[in-house]
Amino acid sequence: NGTLRKGAQVIRVETPGPSMHEVDIFR
């Protein structure tokens, strides 16, 4: 929800799930 932009960015991570999840960011 929202658009990531160039530079320092803050991401609020929520897990509605219902399972456990993780996120890795790759360039």
PDB file of all heavy atoms in Angstrom:
ATOM      1  N   ASN A   1       0.845  -1.185   0.000  1.00  0.00           N
ATOM      2  CA  ASN A   1       0.000   0.000   0.000  1.00  0.00           C
ATOM      3  C   ASN A   1       0.884   1.241   0.000  1.00  0.00           C
ATOM      4  O   ASN A   1       1.521   1.569   1.005  1.00  0.00           O
ATOM      5  CB  ASN A   1      -0.918   0.012   1.229  1.00  0.00           C
ATOM      6  CG  ASN A   1      -1.864  -1.173   1.245  1.00  0.00           C
ATOM      7  OD1 ASN A   1      -2.292  -1.644   0.191  1.00  0.00           O
ATOM      8  ND2 ASN A   1      -2.193  -1.671   2.429  1.00  0.00           N
ATOM      9  N   GLY A   2       0.932   1.907  -1.149  1.00  0.00           N
ATOM     10  CA  GLY A   2       1.812   3.047  -1.313  1.00  0.00           C
ATOM     11  C   GLY A   2       2.887   2.717  -2.339  1.00  0.00           C
ATOM     12  O   GLY A   2       2.986   1.585  -2.830  1.00  0.00           O
ATOM     13  N   THR A   3       3.696   3.697  -2.669  1.00  0.00           N
ATOM     14  CA  THR A   3       4.733   3.526  -3.686  1.00  0.00           C
ATOM     15  C   THR A   3       6.106   3.772  -3.082  1.00  0.00           C
ATOM     16  O   THR A   3       6.352   4.841  -2.513  1.00  0.00           O
ATOM     17  CB  THR A   3       4.509   4.493  -4.861  1.00  0.00           C
ATOM     18  OG1 THR A   3       3.205   4.263  -5.418  1.00  0.00           O
ATOM     19  CG2 THR A   3       5.557   4.292  -5.937  1.00  0.00           C
ATOM     20  N   LEU A   4       6.988   2.791  -3.189  1.00  0.00           N
ATOM     21  CA  LEU A   4       8.366   2.963  -2.737  1.00  0.00           C
ATOM     22  C   LEU A   4       9.115   3.835  -3.734  1.00  0.00           C
ATOM     23  O   LEU A   4       8.959   3.684  -4.951  1.00  0.00           O
ATOM     24  CB  LEU A   4       9.047   1.605  -2.598  1.00  0.00           C
ATOM     25  CG  LEU A   4       8.626   0.778  -1.375  1.00  0.00           C
ATOM     26  CD1 LEU A   4       9.112  -0.651  -1.502  1.00  0.00           C
ATOM     27  CD2 LEU A   4       9.159   1.414  -0.096  1.00  0.00           C
ATOM     28  N   ARG A   5       9.947   4.726  -3.200  1.00  0.00           N
ATOM     29  CA  ARG A   5      10.666   5.683  -4.031  1.00  0.00           C
ATOM     30  C   ARG A   5      12.171   5.612  -3.771  1.00  0.00           C
ATOM     31  O   ARG A   5      12.613   4.953  -2.834  1.00  0.00           O
ATOM     32  CB  ARG A   5      10.145   7.098  -3.762  1.00  0.00           C
ATOM     33  CG  ARG A   5       8.637   7.229  -3.936  1.00  0.00           C
ATOM     34  CD  ARG A   5       8.148   8.630  -3.679  1.00  0.00           C
ATOM     35  NE  ARG A   5       6.682   8.683  -3.671  1.00  0.00           N
ATOM     36  CZ  ARG A   5       5.910   8.696  -4.738  1.00  0.00           C
ATOM     37  NH1 ARG A   5       6.477   8.665  -5.943  1.00  0.00           N
ATOM     38  NH2 ARG A   5       4.593   8.745  -4.640  1.00  0.00           N
ATOM     39  N   LYS A   6      12.911   6.296  -4.603  1.00  0.00           N
ATOM     40  CA  LYS A   6      14.362   6.369  -4.442  1.00  0.00           C
ATOM     41  C   LYS A   6      14.709   7.056  -3.123  1.00  0.00           C
ATOM     42  O   LYS A   6      14.047   7.993  -2.703  1.00  0.00           O
ATOM     43  CB  LYS A   6      14.964   7.140  -5.620  1.00  0.00           C
ATOM     44  CG  LYS A   6      16.478   7.250  -5.586  1.00  0.00           C
ATOM     45  CD  LYS A   6      17.021   7.958  -6.813  1.00  0.00           C
ATOM     46  CE  LYS A   6      16.651   9.427  -6.802  1.00  0.00           C
ATOM     47  NZ  LYS A   6      17.332  10.170  -7.904  1.00  0.00           N
ATOM     48  N   GLY A   7      15.768   6.549  -2.471  1.00  0.00           N
ATOM     49  CA  GLY A   7      16.220   7.143  -1.223  1.00  0.00           C
ATOM     50  C   GLY A   7      15.803   6.314  -0.018  1.00  0.00           C
ATOM     51  O   GLY A   7      15.346   5.176  -0.146  1.00  0.00           O
ATOM     52  N   ALA A   8      15.968   6.879   1.170  1.00  0.00           N
ATOM     53  CA  ALA A   8      15.607   6.186   2.407  1.00  0.00           C
ATOM     54  C   ALA A   8      14.094   6.048   2.508  1.00  0.00           C
ATOM     55  O   ALA A   8      13.366   7.028   2.367  1.00  0.00           O
ATOM     56  CB  ALA A   8      16.158   6.941   3.607  1.00  0.00           C
ATOM     57  N   GLN A   9      13.630   4.824   2.744  1.00  0.00           N
ATOM     58  CA  GLN A   9      12.201   4.541   2.843  1.00  0.00           C
ATOM     59  C   GLN A   9      11.938   3.675   4.073  1.00  0.00           C
ATOM     60  O   GLN A   9      12.747   2.816   4.426  1.00  0.00           O
ATOM     61  CB  GLN A   9      11.698   3.810   1.596  1.00  0.00           C
ATOM     62  CG  GLN A   9      11.849   4.601   0.295  1.00  0.00           C
ATOM     63  CD  GLN A   9      10.755   5.626   0.126  1.00  0.00           C
ATOM     64  OE1 GLN A   9       9.655   5.330  -0.324  1.00  0.00           O
ATOM     65  NE2 GLN A   9      11.049   6.873   0.489  1.00  0.00           N
ATOM     66  N   VAL A  10      10.796   3.920   4.703  1.00  0.00           N
ATOM     67  CA  VAL A  10      10.379   3.130   5.865  1.00  0.00           C
ATOM     68  C   VAL A  10       9.162   2.304   5.479  1.00  0.00           C
ATOM     69  O   VAL A  10       8.164   2.839   4.977  1.00  0.00           O
ATOM     70  CB  VAL A  10      10.049   4.030   7.075  1.00  0.00           C
ATOM     71  CG1 VAL A  10       9.536   3.186   8.244  1.00  0.00           C
ATOM     72  CG2 VAL A  10      11.281   4.828   7.494  1.00  0.00           C
ATOM     73  N   ILE A  11       9.268   0.994   5.708  1.00  0.00           N
ATOM     74  CA  ILE A  11       8.183   0.064   5.376  1.00  0.00           C
ATOM     75  C   ILE A  11       7.613  -0.502   6.672  1.00  0.00           C
ATOM     76  O   ILE A  11       8.340  -1.078   7.488  1.00  0.00           O
ATOM     77  CB  ILE A  11       8.696  -1.088   4.499  1.00  0.00           C
ATOM     78  CG1 ILE A  11       9.393  -0.549   3.245  1.00  0.00           C
ATOM     79  CG2 ILE A  11       7.551  -2.023   4.114  1.00  0.00           C
ATOM     80  CD1 ILE A  11      10.110  -1.632   2.435  1.00  0.00           C
ATOM     81  N   ARG A  12       6.323  -0.315   6.868  1.00  0.00           N
ATOM     82  CA  ARG A  12       5.621  -0.933   7.995  1.00  0.00           C
ATOM     83  C   ARG A  12       5.127  -2.299   7.524  1.00  0.00           C
ATOM     84  O   ARG A  12       4.357  -2.388   6.558  1.00  0.00           O
ATOM     85  CB  ARG A  12       4.449  -0.058   8.445  1.00  0.00           C
ATOM     86  CG  ARG A  12       3.592  -0.678   9.563  1.00  0.00           C
ATOM     87  CD  ARG A  12       2.389   0.209   9.838  1.00  0.00           C
ATOM     88  NE  ARG A  12       1.398  -0.482  10.634  1.00  0.00           N
ATOM     89  CZ  ARG A  12       1.126  -0.185  11.915  1.00  0.00           C
ATOM     90  NH1 ARG A  12       1.785   0.806  12.514  1.00  0.00           N
ATOM     91  NH2 ARG A  12       0.212  -0.855  12.581  1.00  0.00           N
ATOM     92  N   VAL A  13       5.591  -3.364   8.179  1.00  0.00           N
ATOM     93  CA  VAL A  13       5.278  -4.726   7.747  1.00  0.00           C
ATOM     94  C   VAL A  13       4.247  -5.342   8.693  1.00  0.00           C
ATOM     95  O   VAL A  13       4.464  -5.429   9.908  1.00  0.00           O
ATOM     96  CB  VAL A  13       6.550  -5.601   7.704  1.00  0.00           C
ATOM     97  CG1 VAL A  13       6.206  -7.005   7.224  1.00  0.00           C
ATOM     98  CG2 VAL A  13       7.603  -4.967   6.788  1.00  0.00           C
ATOM     99  N   GLU A  14       3.134  -5.765   8.123  1.00  0.00           N
ATOM    100  CA  GLU A  14       2.066  -6.423   8.874  1.00  0.00           C
ATOM    101  C   GLU A  14       1.826  -7.810   8.288  1.00  0.00           C
ATOM    102  O   GLU A  14       2.056  -8.034   7.098  1.00  0.00           O
ATOM    103  CB  GLU A  14       0.781  -5.594   8.808  1.00  0.00           C
ATOM    104  CG  GLU A  14       0.928  -4.175   9.332  1.00  0.00           C
ATOM    105  CD  GLU A  14      -0.330  -3.344   9.135  1.00  0.00           C
ATOM    106  OE1 GLU A  14      -1.324  -3.879   8.574  1.00  0.00           O
ATOM    107  OE2 GLU A  14      -0.325  -2.160   9.515  1.00  0.00           O
ATOM    108  N   THR A  15       1.333  -8.739   9.127  1.00  0.00           N
ATOM    109  CA  THR A  15       1.082 -10.104   8.666  1.00  0.00           C
ATOM    110  C   THR A  15      -0.361 -10.502   8.954  1.00  0.00           C
ATOM    111  O   THR A  15      -0.655 -11.115   9.989  1.00  0.00           O
ATOM    112  CB  THR A  15       2.044 -11.101   9.342  1.00  0.00           C
ATOM    113  OG1 THR A  15       3.386 -10.652   9.179  1.00  0.00           O
ATOM    114  CG2 THR A  15       1.922 -12.490   8.728  1.00  0.00           C
ATOM    115  N   PRO A  16      -1.288 -10.154   8.048  1.00  0.00           N
ATOM    116  CA  PRO A  16      -2.661 -10.625   8.214  1.00  0.00           C
ATOM    117  C   PRO A  16      -2.754 -12.142   8.103  1.00  0.00           C
ATOM    118  O   PRO A  16      -3.704 -12.760   8.575  1.00  0.00           O
ATOM    119  CB  PRO A  16      -3.418  -9.920   7.076  1.00  0.00           C
ATOM    120  CG  PRO A  16      -2.559  -8.745   6.720  1.00  0.00           C
ATOM    121  CD  PRO A  16      -1.155  -9.226   6.918  1.00  0.00           C
ATOM    122  N   GLY A  17      -1.756 -12.747   7.417  1.00  0.00           N
ATOM    123  CA  GLY A  17      -1.654 -14.205   7.345  1.00  0.00           C
ATOM    124  C   GLY A  17      -2.798 -14.897   6.633  1.00  0.00           C
ATOM    125  O   GLY A  17      -3.155 -14.527   5.541  1.00  0.00           O
ATOM    126  N   PRO A  18      -3.343 -15.919   7.305  1.00  0.00           N
ATOM    127  CA  PRO A  18      -3.159 -16.282   8.718  1.00  0.00           C
ATOM    128  C   PRO A  18      -1.871 -17.049   9.029  1.00  0.00           C
ATOM    129  O   PRO A  18      -1.568 -17.278  10.193  1.00  0.00           O
ATOM    130  CB  PRO A  18      -4.380 -17.151   9.012  1.00  0.00           C
ATOM    131  CG  PRO A  18      -4.712 -17.776   7.697  1.00  0.00           C
ATOM    132  CD  PRO A  18      -4.387 -16.742   6.658  1.00  0.00           C
ATOM    133  N   SER A  19      -1.106 -17.444   8.030  1.00  0.00           N
ATOM    134  CA  SER A  19       0.129 -18.184   8.285  1.00  0.00           C
ATOM    135  C   SER A  19       1.272 -17.230   8.621  1.00  0.00           C
ATOM    136  O   SER A  19       1.195 -16.021   8.373  1.00  0.00           O
ATOM    137  CB  SER A  19       0.509 -19.016   7.051  1.00  0.00           C
ATOM    138  OG  SER A  19      -0.515 -19.909   6.697  1.00  0.00           O
ATOM    139  N   MET A  20       2.354 -17.771   9.171  1.00  0.00           N
ATOM    140  CA  MET A  20       3.582 -17.013   9.371  1.00  0.00           C
ATOM    141  C   MET A  20       4.223 -16.750   8.016  1.00  0.00           C
ATOM    142  O   MET A  20       4.217 -17.607   7.139  1.00  0.00           O
ATOM    143  CB  MET A  20       4.545 -17.796  10.268  1.00  0.00           C
ATOM    144  CG  MET A  20       4.068 -18.001  11.693  1.00  0.00           C
ATOM    145  SD  MET A  20       4.988 -19.306  12.563  1.00  0.00           S
ATOM    146  CE  MET A  20       6.670 -18.700  12.459  1.00  0.00           C
ATOM    147  N   HIS A  21       4.792 -15.561   7.860  1.00  0.00           N
ATOM    148  CA  HIS A  21       5.462 -15.205   6.610  1.00  0.00           C
ATOM    149  C   HIS A  21       6.705 -14.386   6.907  1.00  0.00           C
ATOM    150  O   HIS A  21       6.900 -13.887   8.020  1.00  0.00           O
ATOM    151  CB  HIS A  21       4.536 -14.399   5.696  1.00  0.00           C
ATOM    152  CG  HIS A  21       3.339 -15.154   5.225  1.00  0.00           C
ATOM    153  ND1 HIS A  21       3.422 -16.217   4.356  1.00  0.00           N
ATOM    154  CD2 HIS A  21       2.019 -15.011   5.515  1.00  0.00           C
ATOM    155  CE1 HIS A  21       2.209 -16.694   4.120  1.00  0.00           C
ATOM    156  NE2 HIS A  21       1.346 -15.980   4.815  1.00  0.00           N
ATOM    157  N   GLU A  22       7.534 -14.226   5.883  1.00  0.00           N
ATOM    158  CA  GLU A  22       8.691 -13.344   5.953  1.00  0.00           C
ATOM    159  C   GLU A  22       8.825 -12.649   4.609  1.00  0.00           C
ATOM    160  O   GLU A  22       8.158 -13.023   3.633  1.00  0.00           O
ATOM    161  CB  GLU A  22       9.971 -14.131   6.275  1.00  0.00           C
ATOM    162  CG  GLU A  22      10.366 -15.132   5.199  1.00  0.00           C
ATOM    163  CD  GLU A  22      11.564 -15.987   5.599  1.00  0.00           C
ATOM    164  OE1 GLU A  22      11.868 -16.055   6.805  1.00  0.00           O
ATOM    165  OE2 GLU A  22      12.191 -16.574   4.698  1.00  0.00           O
ATOM    166  N   VAL A  23       9.669 -11.639   4.554  1.00  0.00           N
ATOM    167  CA  VAL A  23       9.911 -10.976   3.279  1.00  0.00           C
ATOM    168  C   VAL A  23      11.383 -10.638   3.159  1.00  0.00           C
ATOM    169  O   VAL A  23      11.970 -10.023   4.052  1.00  0.00           O
ATOM    170  CB  VAL A  23       9.046  -9.699   3.118  1.00  0.00           C
ATOM    171  CG1 VAL A  23       9.261  -8.717   4.269  1.00  0.00           C
ATOM    172  CG2 VAL A  23       9.338  -9.021   1.777  1.00  0.00           C
ATOM    173  N   ASP A  24      11.992 -11.086   2.076  1.00  0.00           N
ATOM    174  CA  ASP A  24      13.349 -10.694   1.707  1.00  0.00           C
ATOM    175  C   ASP A  24      13.238  -9.775   0.502  1.00  0.00           C
ATOM    176  O   ASP A  24      12.432 -10.009  -0.408  1.00  0.00           O
ATOM    177  CB  ASP A  24      14.205 -11.917   1.360  1.00  0.00           C
ATOM    178  CG  ASP A  24      14.583 -12.728   2.587  1.00  0.00           C
ATOM    179  OD1 ASP A  24      15.106 -12.130   3.546  1.00  0.00           O
ATOM    180  OD2 ASP A  24      14.346 -13.952   2.588  1.00  0.00           O
ATOM    181  N   ILE A  25      14.068  -8.735   0.485  1.00  0.00           N
ATOM    182  CA  ILE A  25      14.078  -7.785  -0.624  1.00  0.00           C
ATOM    183  C   ILE A  25      15.345  -8.008  -1.440  1.00  0.00           C
ATOM    184  O   ILE A  25      16.456  -7.966  -0.901  1.00  0.00           O
ATOM    185  CB  ILE A  25      14.025  -6.336  -0.107  1.00  0.00           C
ATOM    186  CG1 ILE A  25      12.793  -6.135   0.791  1.00  0.00           C
ATOM    187  CG2 ILE A  25      13.994  -5.363  -1.282  1.00  0.00           C
ATOM    188  CD1 ILE A  25      12.760  -4.779   1.468  1.00  0.00           C
ATOM    189  N   PHE A  26      15.178  -8.251  -2.725  1.00  0.00           N
ATOM    190  CA  PHE A  26      16.309  -8.458  -3.632  1.00  0.00           C
ATOM    191  C   PHE A  26      16.289  -7.374  -4.713  1.00  0.00           C
ATOM    192  O   PHE A  26      15.221  -7.020  -5.226  1.00  0.00           O
ATOM    193  CB  PHE A  26      16.232  -9.823  -4.310  1.00  0.00           C
ATOM    194  CG  PHE A  26      16.442 -10.988  -3.383  1.00  0.00           C
ATOM    195  CD1 PHE A  26      15.359 -11.629  -2.790  1.00  0.00           C
ATOM    196  CD2 PHE A  26      17.718 -11.455  -3.104  1.00  0.00           C
ATOM    197  CE1 PHE A  26      15.546 -12.708  -1.940  1.00  0.00           C
ATOM    198  CE2 PHE A  26      17.916 -12.533  -2.252  1.00  0.00           C
ATOM    199  CZ  PHE A  26      16.831 -13.165  -1.665  1.00  0.00           C
ATOM    200  N   ARG A  27      17.466  -6.897  -5.064  1.00  0.00           N
ATOM    201  CA  ARG A  27      17.598  -5.982  -6.199  1.00  0.00           C
ATOM    202  C   ARG A  27      18.171  -6.782  -7.369  1.00  0.00           C
ATOM    203  O   ARG A  27      19.296  -7.280  -7.317  1.00  0.00           O
ATOM    204  CB  ARG A  27      18.519  -4.809  -5.874  1.00  0.00           C
ATOM    205  CG  ARG A  27      18.563  -3.751  -6.984  1.00  0.00           C
ATOM    206  CD  ARG A  27      19.446  -2.559  -6.568  1.00  0.00           C
ATOM    207  NE  ARG A  27      19.330  -1.460  -7.518  1.00  0.00           N
ATOM    208  CZ  ARG A  27      20.042  -1.351  -8.630  1.00  0.00           C
ATOM    209  NH1 ARG A  27      20.940  -2.279  -8.935  1.00  0.00           N
ATOM    210  NH2 ARG A  27      19.872  -0.332  -9.437  1.00  0.00           N
TER     211      ARG A  27
END
